[in-house]
């Protein structure tokens, strides 16, 4: 059988060019009685939430499932078959995109295929709900924006806090100026479970028969299969994931960046940390197969306000000292007049909370998935709570932290970079990381080493690093044909 390649896809009717894409009926405002036909791509894990959101939504029909794991397809399709609901299944996304009566694609695949599928779907005349982060690197994020605009597609980013009235109210309070200038927008993404502690080591094996591993690898360079990448721990490998800062972290990153009024991207970034885990029997202490840090502190300068991002994966489970260190997934905003925390305002020097000032909050209708469908019907990007134009810079901020970290070097644990003195919340985060690592693994960072990345200057207009060719190499990646995010969308 002839292999369906990217070149074949580009020759198909829905990818022939902007004219054909714009001529599809899905480009016009849809009537209230027209069902929006949605295909869910990537149906393990987060994909189940997409299915649940769309299956009972009024005016929406799930038309197809797509996944490279045939077992996942069989498992997800069974409840629908039992109810005599007809849903088509696909292993290869390229074949599904050639189906004319699919209106929208809901993407919950691995990070390294988010942008590729988003661009291909836009070229095929489909609207897109894409999980966070929308990209695996800086280059890809921009291509998603360009594709959405060129093909006039509705593209919603999966940072659903944008559809939270509570967060919107806090952001509006920050922007109001009633509490003075924003000094630090701080975020925490410290969770337990699913590989934040040790994932151990898994041997190389032949891929299982139910998995099309070539399609799963997609843009990544060819490499052997092992069970620490399929289906979840891929988050902790650079070829496929973005670490915790680009996993749970992108939600908090989006909120933190949202608070910095008028600033899409920072002017500089520095990141530090390490991957510290409990002992794995038979291997050197404090090592496992993963590559990304599970403890990471990242600081960005937006030309005034600082964005401070703390990740600690070693939480909510007793360590060597018997204590449980608390998980923390939230945002706080440090202003001249005090702190906005947990939806309340704490004046400077006071522990007594005050209600937030009454501020106007403007949001699109519905929860995050409903908001997407509303915009699909209206054909107005302005109706989206989290358009790709916002998802792009929030994803890029996660990548910026990782670029600095990856270019770093091991330094003595007592090394104190100047950035720790820029604000007390920065130093507090680093102290918390060291305390948690020691308590949970027994490793005293101050007597060992940690990874310290360089302070990188960044140009928000060109979306490139300033005078740093090595960093600019990590703006994109080498792609394995035909799974390519194109330079020209």
Protein backbone atom coordinates (compact mmCIF):
# COMPACT_ATOMS: atom_id res chain seq x y z
CA UNK A 1 0.00 0.00 0.00
CA UNK A 2 1.24 3.47 -0.89
CA UNK A 3 2.39 5.41 2.19
CA UNK A 4 0.32 8.57 2.74
CA UNK A 5 2.97 11.27 2.96
CA UNK A 6 2.91 14.95 3.83
CA UNK A 7 3.36 15.68 0.13
CA UNK A 8 0.25 13.64 -0.64
CA UNK A 9 -1.58 15.58 2.02
CA UNK A 10 -0.60 18.91 0.55
CA UNK A 11 -1.96 17.75 -2.81
CA UNK A 12 -5.33 16.82 -1.32
CA UNK A 13 -8.31 19.09 -1.92
CA UNK A 14 -8.38 20.64 1.54
CA UNK A 15 -4.73 21.62 1.59
CA UNK A 16 -4.41 22.96 -1.92
CA UNK A 17 -4.34 26.56 -0.77
CA UNK A 18 -6.02 29.41 0.99
CA UNK A 19 -8.66 29.78 -1.69
CA UNK A 20 -10.00 26.27 -1.19
CA UNK A 21 -9.78 26.51 2.58
CA UNK A 22 -11.69 29.78 2.61
CA UNK A 23 -14.33 28.37 0.29
CA UNK A 24 -15.46 25.68 2.74
CA UNK A 25 -18.88 26.11 4.38
CA UNK A 26 -17.22 26.10 7.80
CA UNK A 27 -15.81 29.58 7.10
CA UNK A 28 -19.25 31.19 7.26
CA UNK A 29 -21.28 31.90 10.38
CA UNK A 30 -23.25 28.74 11.19
CA UNK A 31 -26.94 28.61 11.94
CA UNK A 32 -28.13 27.73 15.43
CA UNK A 33 -29.49 24.37 14.21
CA UNK A 34 -26.34 23.30 12.34
CA UNK A 35 -24.40 20.76 14.37
CA UNK A 36 -20.67 21.47 14.64
CA UNK A 37 -18.89 18.21 13.85
CA UNK A 38 -15.78 17.80 16.01
CA UNK A 39 -12.98 15.24 15.74
CA UNK A 40 -10.91 14.53 18.86
CA UNK A 41 -7.24 13.77 18.18
CA UNK A 42 -5.26 12.08 20.95
CA UNK A 43 -7.77 10.29 23.17
CA UNK A 44 -5.64 9.06 26.06
CA UNK A 45 -5.39 11.18 29.20
CA UNK A 46 -6.51 14.74 28.53
CA UNK A 47 -8.35 13.62 25.41
CA UNK A 48 -11.00 11.97 27.60
CA UNK A 49 -11.86 15.44 28.95
CA UNK A 50 -12.30 16.72 25.40
CA UNK A 51 -14.65 13.84 24.62
CA UNK A 52 -16.67 14.47 27.80
CA UNK A 53 -16.92 18.18 27.03
CA UNK A 54 -18.19 17.78 23.48
CA UNK A 55 -20.31 14.62 23.61
CA UNK A 56 -23.28 16.17 25.44
CA UNK A 57 -22.87 19.76 24.25
CA UNK A 58 -25.91 21.12 22.50
CA UNK A 59 -25.36 21.70 18.80
CA UNK A 60 -22.18 19.61 18.70
CA UNK A 61 -21.55 16.13 17.36
CA UNK A 62 -18.39 14.09 17.83
CA UNK A 63 -17.67 12.90 14.31
CA UNK A 64 -14.36 11.06 14.70
CA UNK A 65 -11.60 9.87 16.99
CA UNK A 66 -7.96 9.76 15.95
CA UNK A 67 -5.14 8.10 17.86
CA UNK A 68 -1.95 6.22 17.02
CA UNK A 69 -2.87 3.61 19.66
CA UNK A 70 -5.51 1.19 18.34
CA UNK A 71 -6.25 -0.02 21.86
CA UNK A 72 -7.16 3.52 22.87
CA UNK A 73 -9.46 3.79 19.88
CA UNK A 74 -11.20 0.52 20.74
CA UNK A 75 -11.63 1.58 24.37
CA UNK A 76 -13.02 5.04 23.62
CA UNK A 77 -15.33 3.96 20.82
CA UNK A 78 -17.00 1.14 22.75
CA UNK A 79 -19.45 3.24 24.83
CA UNK A 80 -20.61 4.97 21.66
CA UNK A 81 -21.01 1.70 19.77
CA UNK A 82 -23.03 0.33 22.67
CA UNK A 83 -25.42 3.26 22.16
CA UNK A 84 -25.45 2.81 18.38
CA UNK A 85 -23.70 6.14 17.89
CA UNK A 86 -21.64 6.18 14.71
CA UNK A 87 -18.16 7.67 15.13
CA UNK A 88 -15.37 7.10 12.62
CA UNK A 89 -11.87 6.21 13.82
CA UNK A 90 -8.47 7.01 12.34
CA UNK A 91 -4.88 6.17 13.19
CA UNK A 92 -3.30 8.69 10.78
CA UNK A 93 -4.29 12.32 11.31
CA UNK A 94 -3.51 13.13 7.68
CA UNK A 95 -6.25 10.82 6.44
CA UNK A 96 -8.77 12.28 8.84
CA UNK A 97 -8.02 15.84 7.74
CA UNK A 98 -9.12 14.90 4.23
CA UNK A 99 -12.66 14.24 5.44
CA UNK A 100 -14.88 17.07 4.24
CA UNK A 101 -17.65 16.97 6.84
CA UNK A 102 -15.42 17.51 9.88
CA UNK A 103 -15.69 21.12 11.01
CA UNK A 104 -13.23 21.29 13.91
CA UNK A 105 -10.29 19.40 15.39
CA UNK A 106 -9.76 19.10 19.13
CA UNK A 107 -6.08 18.28 19.78
CA UNK A 108 -4.88 16.47 22.92
CA UNK A 109 -1.79 14.73 21.57
CA UNK A 110 1.82 14.94 22.75
CA UNK A 111 3.30 18.45 22.93
CA UNK A 112 5.67 17.87 20.02
CA UNK A 113 2.77 17.34 17.59
CA UNK A 114 0.43 20.15 18.73
CA UNK A 115 1.65 22.76 16.24
CA UNK A 116 2.04 20.37 13.34
CA UNK A 117 -1.58 19.23 13.67
CA UNK A 118 -2.82 22.79 14.24
CA UNK A 119 -1.14 24.07 11.08
CA UNK A 120 -2.25 21.09 8.99
CA UNK A 121 -5.83 21.45 10.26
CA UNK A 122 -5.93 25.17 9.43
CA UNK A 123 -4.64 24.37 5.94
CA UNK A 124 -7.43 21.80 5.64
CA UNK A 125 -10.12 24.34 6.51
CA UNK A 126 -10.76 23.11 10.06
CA UNK A 127 -11.10 25.15 13.23
CA UNK A 128 -8.90 24.00 16.10
CA UNK A 129 -9.01 23.62 19.86
CA UNK A 130 -5.39 22.86 20.75
CA UNK A 131 -4.19 21.76 24.15
CA UNK A 132 -1.52 23.67 25.99
CA UNK A 133 1.21 24.38 25.15
CA UNK A 134 0.30 25.02 21.53
CA UNK A 135 3.91 24.35 20.54
CA UNK A 136 7.08 22.47 21.33
CA UNK A 137 9.33 25.45 20.55
CA UNK A 138 9.22 29.18 19.82
CA UNK A 139 9.16 28.85 16.03
CA UNK A 140 6.11 26.57 16.08
CA UNK A 141 4.01 28.95 18.17
CA UNK A 142 4.36 31.72 15.60
CA UNK A 143 3.43 29.33 12.78
CA UNK A 144 0.15 28.49 14.56
CA UNK A 145 -0.74 32.19 14.67
CA UNK A 146 0.18 32.66 11.01
CA UNK A 147 -1.85 29.62 9.90
CA UNK A 148 -4.92 30.68 11.88
CA UNK A 149 -4.88 34.13 10.31
CA UNK A 150 -3.99 33.06 6.78
CA UNK A 151 -6.77 30.48 6.59
CA UNK A 152 -9.21 32.48 8.74
CA UNK A 153 -9.56 29.70 11.29
CA UNK A 154 -10.86 29.86 14.84
CA UNK A 155 -8.07 28.52 17.08
CA UNK A 156 -8.62 28.27 20.84
CA UNK A 157 -5.70 27.52 23.19
CA UNK A 158 -6.31 25.09 26.04
CA UNK A 159 -5.42 27.50 28.85
CA UNK A 160 -8.88 27.36 30.38
CA UNK A 161 -8.16 29.81 33.20
CA UNK A 162 -8.94 32.46 30.58
CA UNK A 163 -12.56 31.33 30.93
CA UNK A 164 -12.50 31.68 34.73
CA UNK A 165 -14.30 34.77 36.02
CA UNK A 166 -12.35 34.52 39.26
CA UNK A 167 -8.97 34.82 37.55
CA UNK A 168 -10.30 37.46 35.16
CA UNK A 169 -11.41 39.56 38.14
CA UNK A 170 -7.95 39.37 39.76
CA UNK A 171 -6.25 40.31 36.48
CA UNK A 172 -8.62 43.24 36.00
CA UNK A 173 -7.80 44.42 39.53
CA UNK A 174 -4.07 44.29 38.75
CA UNK A 175 -4.63 46.23 35.53
CA UNK A 176 -6.86 48.83 37.18
CA UNK A 177 -3.93 50.67 38.76
CA UNK A 178 -5.81 50.97 42.05
CA UNK A 179 -3.05 49.07 43.86
CA UNK A 180 -0.08 50.71 42.17
CA UNK A 181 2.32 49.24 39.64
CA UNK A 182 2.83 45.50 39.29
CA UNK A 183 6.30 44.54 40.53
CA UNK A 184 6.24 40.73 40.40
CA UNK A 185 3.78 38.34 38.79
CA UNK A 186 4.53 35.04 40.51
CA UNK A 187 3.40 31.54 39.59
CA UNK A 188 3.72 28.09 41.12
CA UNK A 189 3.30 24.75 39.34
CA UNK A 190 4.29 22.26 42.03
CA UNK A 191 2.34 19.01 41.71
CA UNK A 192 2.81 15.40 42.71
CA UNK A 193 2.30 12.24 40.69
CA UNK A 194 2.87 11.04 37.13
CA UNK A 195 6.63 11.28 36.91
CA UNK A 196 7.37 14.31 39.06
CA UNK A 197 9.24 11.92 41.37
CA UNK A 198 11.42 9.16 39.89
CA UNK A 199 10.29 7.36 36.74
CA UNK A 200 13.14 4.85 37.06
CA UNK A 201 14.59 3.27 33.94
CA UNK A 202 12.83 1.31 31.20
CA UNK A 203 14.64 -0.88 28.65
CA UNK A 204 14.43 -0.42 24.89
CA UNK A 205 11.81 -2.72 23.37
CA UNK A 206 10.00 -3.36 20.13
CA UNK A 207 6.90 -1.15 20.03
CA UNK A 208 3.64 -2.97 20.83
CA UNK A 209 1.56 -4.00 17.82
CA UNK A 210 -1.33 -1.72 18.79
CA UNK A 211 0.91 1.39 18.57
CA UNK A 212 2.04 3.07 15.34
CA UNK A 213 5.31 4.27 16.83
CA UNK A 214 6.44 5.99 13.64
CA UNK A 215 3.36 8.22 13.74
CA UNK A 216 3.81 8.72 17.48
CA UNK A 217 7.38 9.96 16.96
CA UNK A 218 6.13 12.35 14.30
CA UNK A 219 8.57 15.31 14.02
CA UNK A 220 11.05 13.80 16.49
CA UNK A 221 14.19 12.12 15.25
CA UNK A 222 13.96 8.34 14.91
CA UNK A 223 14.83 6.57 18.16
CA UNK A 224 14.04 3.34 20.01
CA UNK A 225 10.82 2.74 21.89
CA UNK A 226 10.65 2.38 25.67
CA UNK A 227 7.75 2.40 28.10
CA UNK A 228 8.83 5.61 29.83
CA UNK A 229 7.60 7.71 26.93
CA UNK A 230 4.26 6.14 26.02
CA UNK A 231 1.77 7.25 27.24
CA UNK A 232 2.54 9.95 29.82
CA UNK A 233 6.17 10.28 30.83
CA UNK A 234 7.06 11.76 27.44
CA UNK A 235 6.50 15.08 29.27
CA UNK A 236 9.95 14.65 30.84
CA UNK A 237 11.94 14.12 27.59
CA UNK A 238 13.08 17.08 25.48
CA UNK A 239 12.18 15.48 22.14
CA UNK A 240 8.50 15.22 23.07
CA UNK A 241 7.66 17.37 26.09
CA UNK A 242 8.52 20.65 27.76
CA UNK A 243 8.93 19.59 31.38
CA UNK A 244 6.58 20.74 34.12
CA UNK A 245 6.90 24.41 33.15
CA UNK A 246 5.22 23.49 29.85
CA UNK A 247 2.85 20.94 31.35
CA UNK A 248 0.82 22.16 34.32
CA UNK A 249 3.04 25.23 34.25
CA UNK A 250 1.72 26.77 31.07
CA UNK A 251 -1.64 27.37 32.80
CA UNK A 252 0.04 29.40 35.55
CA UNK A 253 2.41 30.98 33.03
CA UNK A 254 -0.58 32.21 31.05
CA UNK A 255 -2.14 33.77 34.16
CA UNK A 256 1.17 35.35 35.19
CA UNK A 257 1.73 36.85 31.75
CA UNK A 258 -1.92 37.95 31.53
CA UNK A 259 -1.32 40.15 34.58
CA UNK A 260 1.53 42.04 32.89
CA UNK A 261 -0.49 44.64 31.02
CA UNK A 262 0.59 45.32 27.45
CA UNK A 263 3.58 42.95 27.51
CA UNK A 264 3.46 39.89 25.28
CA UNK A 265 7.04 38.64 25.69
CA UNK A 266 9.96 39.41 28.03
CA UNK A 267 13.28 41.10 27.35
CA UNK A 268 15.38 38.59 29.29
CA UNK A 269 15.18 35.17 30.94
CA UNK A 270 17.25 33.06 33.31
CA UNK A 271 16.47 29.60 34.68
CA UNK A 272 18.06 27.25 37.22
CA UNK A 273 17.32 24.01 39.03
CA UNK A 274 17.78 20.30 38.51
CA UNK A 275 16.19 16.87 38.38
CA UNK A 276 16.50 15.46 41.87
CA UNK A 277 14.72 12.19 42.65
CA UNK A 278 14.67 9.52 45.29
CA UNK A 279 17.14 6.65 44.97
CA UNK A 280 16.48 4.08 42.24
CA UNK A 281 17.64 0.54 43.19
CA UNK A 282 20.60 -0.60 41.13
CA UNK A 283 21.45 2.88 39.84
CA UNK A 284 23.37 5.89 41.03
CA UNK A 285 21.57 7.91 43.66
CA UNK A 286 19.36 10.81 42.52
CA UNK A 287 19.07 9.75 38.87
CA UNK A 288 16.36 8.43 36.59
CA UNK A 289 15.72 8.21 32.84
CA UNK A 290 13.98 11.59 32.52
CA UNK A 291 15.72 14.66 31.10
CA UNK A 292 13.71 17.72 32.14
CA UNK A 293 14.04 19.35 35.59
CA UNK A 294 11.52 18.56 38.29
CA UNK A 295 12.65 21.59 40.28
CA UNK A 296 13.08 24.81 38.33
CA UNK A 297 13.14 28.53 39.04
CA UNK A 298 12.70 30.87 36.07
CA UNK A 299 12.78 34.67 36.11
CA UNK A 300 11.79 36.93 33.20
CA UNK A 301 12.06 40.70 32.93
CA UNK A 302 9.25 42.42 31.01
CA UNK A 303 10.91 45.83 31.11
CA UNK A 304 9.74 46.61 34.62
CA UNK A 305 7.54 43.84 36.02
CA UNK A 306 9.24 40.53 36.74
CA UNK A 307 7.64 37.15 36.12
CA UNK A 308 8.84 34.58 38.68
CA UNK A 309 8.02 30.93 38.08
CA UNK A 310 8.56 28.15 40.64
CA UNK A 311 8.33 24.42 39.92
CA UNK A 312 8.85 21.74 42.58
CA UNK A 313 7.82 18.21 41.67
CA UNK A 314 8.89 16.62 44.96
CA UNK A 315 5.71 17.45 46.89
CA UNK A 316 2.72 15.87 48.62
CA UNK A 317 4.57 12.66 49.49
CA UNK A 318 6.76 11.88 52.48
CA UNK A 319 10.48 12.12 51.79
CA UNK A 320 13.51 10.97 53.76
CA UNK A 321 12.67 13.36 56.60
CA UNK A 322 9.15 11.93 56.89
CA UNK A 323 7.52 15.25 56.06
CA UNK A 324 5.14 16.01 53.22
CA UNK A 325 5.93 19.24 51.43
CA UNK A 326 2.72 20.87 50.19
CA UNK A 327 1.78 21.08 46.55
CA UNK A 328 1.17 24.58 45.26
CA UNK A 329 -0.46 25.47 41.96
CA UNK A 330 -1.51 29.12 41.91
CA UNK A 331 -0.59 32.72 41.11
CA UNK A 332 0.03 35.84 43.19
CA UNK A 333 0.57 39.45 42.18
CA UNK A 334 2.94 41.76 44.08
CA UNK A 335 2.12 45.43 43.58
CA UNK A 336 3.35 48.69 45.04
CA UNK A 337 0.38 48.77 47.40
CA UNK A 338 0.35 45.14 48.48
CA UNK A 339 -0.39 41.60 47.27
CA UNK A 340 -3.36 40.08 45.45
CA UNK A 341 -3.61 36.50 46.68
CA UNK A 342 -6.49 33.98 46.56
CA UNK A 343 -8.85 36.58 45.14
CA UNK A 344 -8.24 39.10 47.92
CA UNK A 345 -6.00 42.11 48.47
CA UNK A 346 -3.49 42.30 51.31
CA UNK A 347 -2.22 45.87 51.86
CA UNK A 348 1.52 46.27 52.22
CA UNK A 349 2.64 45.39 55.74
CA UNK A 350 -0.74 43.86 56.69
CA UNK A 351 -1.99 40.28 57.07
CA UNK A 352 -5.61 41.39 56.94
CA UNK A 353 -7.35 40.66 53.65
CA UNK A 354 -9.64 43.11 51.90
CA UNK A 355 -12.12 42.37 49.11
CA UNK A 356 -10.86 43.27 45.65
CA UNK A 357 -11.98 46.57 44.20
CA UNK A 358 -15.04 46.43 41.98
CA UNK A 359 -13.70 46.08 38.44
CA UNK A 360 -15.28 45.40 35.08
CA UNK A 361 -14.65 41.90 33.69
CA UNK A 362 -15.24 41.16 30.01
CA UNK A 363 -15.30 37.55 28.84
CA UNK A 364 -16.74 35.47 26.04
CA UNK A 365 -19.71 33.20 26.80
CA UNK A 366 -19.59 29.65 28.15
CA UNK A 367 -16.93 27.44 29.66
CA UNK A 368 -13.71 27.01 27.68
CA UNK A 369 -14.98 24.36 25.25
CA UNK A 370 -18.37 26.07 24.87
CA UNK A 371 -16.56 29.34 24.24
CA UNK A 372 -14.69 27.68 21.38
CA UNK A 373 -17.90 26.39 19.79
CA UNK A 374 -19.52 29.81 20.18
CA UNK A 375 -16.65 31.38 18.23
CA UNK A 376 -16.80 28.62 15.60
CA UNK A 377 -20.39 29.66 15.00
CA UNK A 378 -19.84 33.42 15.11
CA UNK A 379 -16.55 33.30 13.11
CA UNK A 380 -15.19 36.03 15.42
CA UNK A 381 -11.75 35.50 16.93
CA UNK A 382 -12.63 38.27 19.39
CA UNK A 383 -15.23 35.94 20.96
CA UNK A 384 -12.48 33.54 22.10
CA UNK A 385 -11.28 33.76 25.69
CA UNK A 386 -7.91 32.21 24.81
CA UNK A 387 -7.18 32.84 21.12
CA UNK A 388 -3.96 31.46 19.67
CA UNK A 389 -2.58 35.01 19.73
CA UNK A 390 -2.54 34.69 23.55
CA UNK A 391 -1.58 31.02 23.64
CA UNK A 392 1.48 31.72 21.52
CA UNK A 393 3.32 34.12 23.90
CA UNK A 394 2.36 32.11 26.98
CA UNK A 395 3.78 28.96 25.41
CA UNK A 396 6.89 30.86 24.29
CA UNK A 397 7.54 32.01 27.88
CA UNK A 398 7.70 28.35 28.93
CA UNK A 399 10.14 27.61 26.10
CA UNK A 400 12.30 30.59 27.06
CA UNK A 401 12.81 29.19 30.54
CA UNK A 402 13.74 25.82 29.11
CA UNK A 403 16.23 27.29 26.63
CA UNK A 404 18.12 29.03 29.42
CA UNK A 405 18.06 25.88 31.53
CA UNK A 406 19.27 23.63 28.70
CA UNK A 407 22.17 25.96 27.93
CA UNK A 408 23.20 25.99 31.58
CA UNK A 409 26.07 24.29 33.36
CA UNK A 410 26.53 22.58 36.69
CA UNK A 411 27.78 25.05 39.30
CA UNK A 412 28.66 24.63 42.98
CA UNK A 413 25.55 24.59 45.16
CA UNK A 414 26.62 27.73 47.00
CA UNK A 415 26.67 29.80 43.82
CA UNK A 416 24.29 32.75 44.18
CA UNK A 417 23.30 34.41 40.89
CA UNK A 418 22.54 38.14 41.00
CA UNK A 419 18.94 37.58 39.93
CA UNK A 420 18.12 36.26 43.42
CA UNK A 421 18.56 39.77 44.78
CA UNK A 422 16.11 41.44 42.40
CA UNK A 423 13.12 40.70 44.63
CA UNK A 424 12.61 38.80 47.88
CA UNK A 425 10.13 36.43 46.21
CA UNK A 426 12.87 35.17 43.88
CA UNK A 427 15.22 34.30 46.73
CA UNK A 428 12.33 32.78 48.67
CA UNK A 429 11.59 30.40 45.78
CA UNK A 430 15.20 29.24 45.55
CA UNK A 431 15.36 28.64 49.30
CA UNK A 432 12.13 26.63 49.10
CA UNK A 433 13.51 24.48 46.28
CA UNK A 434 16.68 23.68 48.22
CA UNK A 435 14.78 22.95 51.42
CA UNK A 436 12.34 20.62 49.63
CA UNK A 437 15.07 18.72 47.77
CA UNK A 438 16.97 18.12 51.00
CA UNK A 439 13.89 17.02 52.89
CA UNK A 440 12.55 14.69 50.22
CA UNK A 441 15.70 13.13 48.75
CA UNK A 442 18.34 13.83 51.40
CA UNK A 443 20.48 15.75 48.91
CA UNK A 444 21.88 19.04 50.23
CA UNK A 445 22.02 21.21 47.09
CA UNK A 446 24.30 23.76 48.79
CA UNK A 447 26.94 21.03 49.19
CA UNK A 448 26.52 19.61 45.69
CA UNK A 449 25.74 21.26 42.33
CA UNK A 450 22.79 22.59 40.39
CA UNK A 451 22.10 23.63 36.78
CA UNK A 452 22.44 27.39 36.28
CA UNK A 453 21.34 28.75 32.93
CA UNK A 454 22.71 31.94 31.36
CA UNK A 455 20.87 35.25 31.48
CA UNK A 456 19.57 35.46 27.91
CA UNK A 457 18.47 38.68 26.22
CA UNK A 458 15.40 38.31 23.99
CA UNK A 459 13.90 40.50 21.29
CA UNK A 460 10.08 40.33 21.54
CA UNK A 461 9.65 41.77 18.03
CA UNK A 462 11.85 39.30 16.15
CA UNK A 463 11.23 36.48 18.66
CA UNK A 464 14.93 35.67 18.64
CA UNK A 465 17.68 35.81 21.23
CA UNK A 466 20.08 38.73 21.08
CA UNK A 467 23.69 37.91 20.16
CA UNK A 468 23.39 34.24 21.11
CA UNK A 469 23.53 31.82 18.16
CA UNK A 470 23.51 28.82 20.48
CA UNK A 471 20.23 29.88 22.04
CA UNK A 472 18.74 30.63 18.63
CA UNK A 473 19.42 27.04 17.57
CA UNK A 474 16.83 26.02 20.16
CA UNK A 475 14.18 28.36 18.73
CA UNK A 476 13.24 25.49 16.42
CA UNK A 477 14.19 21.83 15.94
CA UNK A 478 15.26 19.47 13.16
CA UNK A 479 12.11 17.91 11.71
CA UNK A 480 11.71 14.36 10.44
CA UNK A 481 9.92 14.42 7.10
CA UNK A 482 7.05 14.35 6.37
CA UNK A 483 6.11 15.49 9.89
CA UNK A 484 7.18 19.09 9.40
CA UNK A 485 5.95 22.43 10.71
CA UNK A 486 6.59 24.49 7.57
CA UNK A 487 8.40 27.81 7.41
CA UNK A 488 5.67 29.09 5.10
CA UNK A 489 2.26 27.97 6.27
